[in-house]
Amino acid sequence: MAGWLPIGRIGDVPIRIHFSAFLGALFFSGFRFAPGAWLGFLVVILVHELGHALIVKKTRKELLGVDIHAIGGECRWAGRATPLERALIAWGGVWAQLALLVIALPLYYLVAARLGSFGIQFFYALSFQSLILAAINLLPIPPLDGAEAWKLPGLLFERYKKRRSPGFRA
C-alpha cells in the first residue's frame, strides 16, 4: 500500500489519496502556484468518486474503496452488475459533479472574490474546470466513464420497448 494516505471512511470503506494526486493537481492548475485550484481539483475528484460510490450502494453492490490519484480517481467495487447498473454507476460521478456545480457556481459569483485568489481559484475549479473534466470523462473511450455511461440511453430505450410489447407482465 505504498504511497497511499487514508483520508476518511464511508462506514468501513476506506477513502485514500495517493501521493501522485498532488502531481495531478499541479498539472490541473497549469503548473502554477495555485493552492485553491489544487484543493478544488482534489475536491472535484473526491465528489466524482463519491457519486459513483453512492450508485454502487444504491444498486446493492459491495463498495471496496475510493481512491484519488494523479489522473483522477477510482471507485472500487465488486458484484455482478447488469449493463444498466454499470451505466448508472458510470453516470454517478458526473451527476455528483453537476450537483457540486449547482452549489459552487453561485458561490463563485457571490463570495469567491471576497476570499481572495485562493477562493477564486477554488470555486473556479469546482465549477468551470469541473465541467471540462466531466466532458473529458464522458468521452466514449475506455477506461473513461463515457465508455459505459453512453450505453444508458439505449438500455433505457430497450427496457421501454420491452415493457410496451404485447404480453409483458411486470
Protein backbone atom coordinates (compact mmCIF):
# COMPACT_ATOMS: atom_id res chain seq x y z
CA MET A 1 0.00 0.00 0.00
CA ALA A 2 2.96 2.31 -0.55
CA GLY A 3 2.13 5.89 -1.42
CA TRP A 4 -1.48 5.84 -0.13
CA LEU A 5 -2.74 8.06 2.67
CA PRO A 6 -6.10 7.25 4.27
CA ILE A 7 -8.17 10.44 4.49
CA GLY A 8 -11.50 9.07 5.70
CA ARG A 9 -14.06 6.31 5.60
CA ILE A 10 -17.59 5.67 4.41
CA GLY A 11 -18.68 3.20 7.05
CA ASP A 12 -15.96 0.59 6.86
CA VAL A 13 -14.85 1.57 3.34
CA PRO A 14 -11.53 3.46 3.10
CA ILE A 15 -11.07 6.71 1.20
CA ARG A 16 -7.43 7.11 0.19
CA ILE A 17 -5.29 9.62 -1.63
CA HIS A 18 -2.11 8.68 -3.47
CA PHE A 19 0.90 10.99 -3.35
CA SER A 20 0.63 11.30 -7.15
CA ALA A 21 -2.70 13.16 -6.76
CA PHE A 22 -0.69 16.27 -5.98
CA LEU A 23 1.05 15.95 -9.35
CA GLY A 24 -2.39 15.73 -10.98
CA ALA A 25 -3.45 18.85 -9.11
CA LEU A 26 -0.31 20.65 -10.27
CA PHE A 27 -1.00 19.65 -13.88
CA PHE A 28 -4.65 20.70 -13.46
CA SER A 29 -3.52 24.17 -12.38
CA GLY A 30 -1.25 24.60 -15.39
CA PHE A 31 1.87 24.09 -13.23
CA ARG A 32 1.18 27.36 -11.39
CA PHE A 33 1.30 28.07 -7.71
CA ALA A 34 -2.46 27.85 -7.17
CA PRO A 35 -3.34 26.15 -3.89
CA GLY A 36 -7.05 26.94 -4.32
CA ALA A 37 -7.06 25.17 -7.69
CA TRP A 38 -5.14 22.24 -6.23
CA LEU A 39 -7.64 21.80 -3.43
CA GLY A 40 -10.50 22.29 -5.89
CA PHE A 41 -9.12 19.52 -8.13
CA LEU A 42 -8.95 17.12 -5.20
CA VAL A 43 -12.48 18.02 -4.07
CA VAL A 44 -13.88 17.56 -7.61
CA ILE A 45 -12.27 14.12 -7.90
CA LEU A 46 -13.46 13.11 -4.44
CA VAL A 47 -17.04 14.25 -5.14
CA HIS A 48 -16.98 12.45 -8.50
CA GLU A 49 -15.84 9.18 -6.94
CA LEU A 50 -18.33 9.52 -4.08
CA GLY A 51 -21.04 9.87 -6.75
CA HIS A 52 -20.00 6.51 -8.16
CA ALA A 53 -19.93 5.08 -4.62
CA LEU A 54 -23.47 6.27 -3.92
CA ILE A 55 -24.82 4.49 -7.01
CA VAL A 56 -22.78 1.37 -6.17
CA LYS A 57 -24.52 1.32 -2.79
CA LYS A 58 -27.95 2.04 -4.33
CA THR A 59 -27.51 -0.93 -6.70
CA ARG A 60 -26.54 -3.08 -3.70
CA LYS A 61 -23.03 -3.85 -4.87
CA GLU A 62 -20.08 -4.13 -2.49
CA LEU A 63 -18.14 -0.88 -2.14
CA LEU A 64 -14.46 -1.68 -1.60
CA GLY A 65 -12.83 1.74 -1.58
CA VAL A 66 -12.50 5.21 -3.03
CA ASP A 67 -9.08 6.28 -4.30
CA ILE A 68 -7.77 9.60 -5.59
CA HIS A 69 -4.61 9.67 -7.72
CA ALA A 70 -2.82 11.74 -10.37
CA ILE A 71 -5.15 11.01 -13.26
CA GLY A 72 -8.38 11.19 -11.31
CA GLY A 73 -9.77 8.55 -9.08
CA GLU A 74 -11.31 5.16 -8.80
CA CYS A 75 -14.35 3.81 -7.02
CA ARG A 76 -13.51 0.21 -6.31
CA TRP A 77 -16.50 -2.13 -6.07
CA ALA A 78 -17.46 -5.77 -6.52
CA GLY A 79 -20.56 -7.67 -7.53
CA ARG A 80 -22.44 -8.77 -10.60
CA ALA A 81 -23.88 -5.72 -12.27
CA THR A 82 -26.28 -5.65 -15.17
CA PRO A 83 -25.34 -3.44 -18.13
CA LEU A 84 -27.95 -0.95 -16.88
CA GLU A 85 -26.39 -0.87 -13.40
CA ARG A 86 -22.88 -0.39 -14.86
CA ALA A 87 -24.15 2.54 -16.94
CA LEU A 88 -25.84 4.10 -13.91
CA ILE A 89 -22.70 3.69 -11.82
CA ALA A 90 -20.68 5.36 -14.60
CA TRP A 91 -23.08 8.34 -14.63
CA GLY A 92 -22.95 8.64 -10.83
CA GLY A 93 -19.67 10.56 -10.87
CA VAL A 94 -20.85 13.09 -13.43
CA TRP A 95 -24.17 13.57 -11.63
CA ALA A 96 -22.26 14.30 -8.42
CA GLN A 97 -20.08 16.83 -10.26
CA LEU A 98 -23.19 18.53 -11.64
CA ALA A 99 -24.63 18.73 -8.11
CA LEU A 100 -21.35 20.30 -6.99
CA LEU A 101 -21.59 22.77 -9.89
CA VAL A 102 -25.09 23.82 -8.78
CA ILE A 103 -23.63 24.71 -5.38
CA ALA A 104 -20.26 26.10 -6.49
CA LEU A 105 -21.27 28.31 -9.41
CA PRO A 106 -23.38 30.77 -7.41
CA LEU A 107 -20.69 30.85 -4.73
CA TYR A 108 -18.09 31.66 -7.38
CA TYR A 109 -20.03 34.81 -8.25
CA LEU A 110 -21.16 35.67 -4.71
CA VAL A 111 -18.22 35.00 -2.40
CA ALA A 112 -15.11 33.83 -4.25
CA ALA A 113 -13.68 37.34 -4.75
CA ARG A 114 -14.10 38.08 -1.04
CA LEU A 115 -11.90 35.08 -0.28
CA GLY A 116 -9.07 36.40 -2.44
CA SER A 117 -7.12 34.47 -5.04
CA PHE A 118 -7.48 31.22 -3.10
CA GLY A 119 -11.28 31.49 -3.19
CA ILE A 120 -11.35 32.44 -6.86
CA GLN A 121 -9.09 29.50 -7.76
CA PHE A 122 -11.06 27.09 -5.56
CA PHE A 123 -14.54 27.96 -6.81
CA TYR A 124 -13.35 28.23 -10.41
CA ALA A 125 -12.01 24.66 -10.10
CA LEU A 126 -15.28 23.45 -8.54
CA SER A 127 -17.36 24.98 -11.31
CA PHE A 128 -15.86 25.75 -14.71
CA GLN A 129 -12.89 23.39 -14.64
CA SER A 130 -15.08 20.64 -13.20
CA LEU A 131 -17.30 20.92 -16.28
CA ILE A 132 -14.27 20.45 -18.52
CA LEU A 133 -13.21 17.37 -16.55
CA ALA A 134 -16.75 15.96 -16.75
CA ALA A 135 -16.83 16.48 -20.52
CA ILE A 136 -13.47 14.75 -20.96
CA ASN A 137 -14.57 11.90 -18.70
CA LEU A 138 -17.70 11.38 -20.80
CA LEU A 139 -15.72 10.64 -23.96
CA PRO A 140 -16.75 7.12 -25.01
CA ILE A 141 -13.23 5.75 -24.61
CA PRO A 142 -12.26 3.10 -22.04
CA PRO A 143 -11.29 3.48 -19.21
CA LEU A 144 -13.23 6.77 -19.07
CA ASP A 145 -16.78 6.66 -17.68
CA GLY A 146 -18.23 7.59 -21.06
CA ALA A 147 -17.43 4.10 -22.37
CA GLU A 148 -20.18 2.74 -20.07
CA ALA A 149 -22.28 5.84 -19.44
CA TRP A 150 -23.39 6.41 -23.03
CA LYS A 151 -24.92 2.95 -23.13
CA LEU A 152 -27.65 4.19 -20.76
CA PRO A 153 -29.99 5.79 -23.35
CA GLY A 154 -30.02 2.65 -25.49
CA LEU A 155 -30.52 0.41 -22.46
CA LEU A 156 -33.42 2.53 -21.23
CA PHE A 157 -34.99 2.54 -24.69
CA GLU A 158 -34.72 -1.25 -24.92
CA ARG A 159 -36.28 -1.55 -21.49
CA TYR A 160 -39.11 0.76 -22.55
CA LYS A 161 -39.75 -1.22 -25.75
CA LYS A 162 -39.79 -4.48 -23.82
CA ARG A 163 -42.35 -3.13 -21.34
CA ARG A 164 -44.52 -1.81 -24.15
CA SER A 165 -44.51 -5.12 -26.02
CA PRO A 166 -47.68 -7.25 -26.01
CA GLY A 167 -47.68 -9.92 -23.36
CA PHE A 168 -45.27 -8.12 -20.99
CA ARG A 169 -46.05 -8.69 -17.34
CA ALA A 170 -44.44 -6.59 -14.63
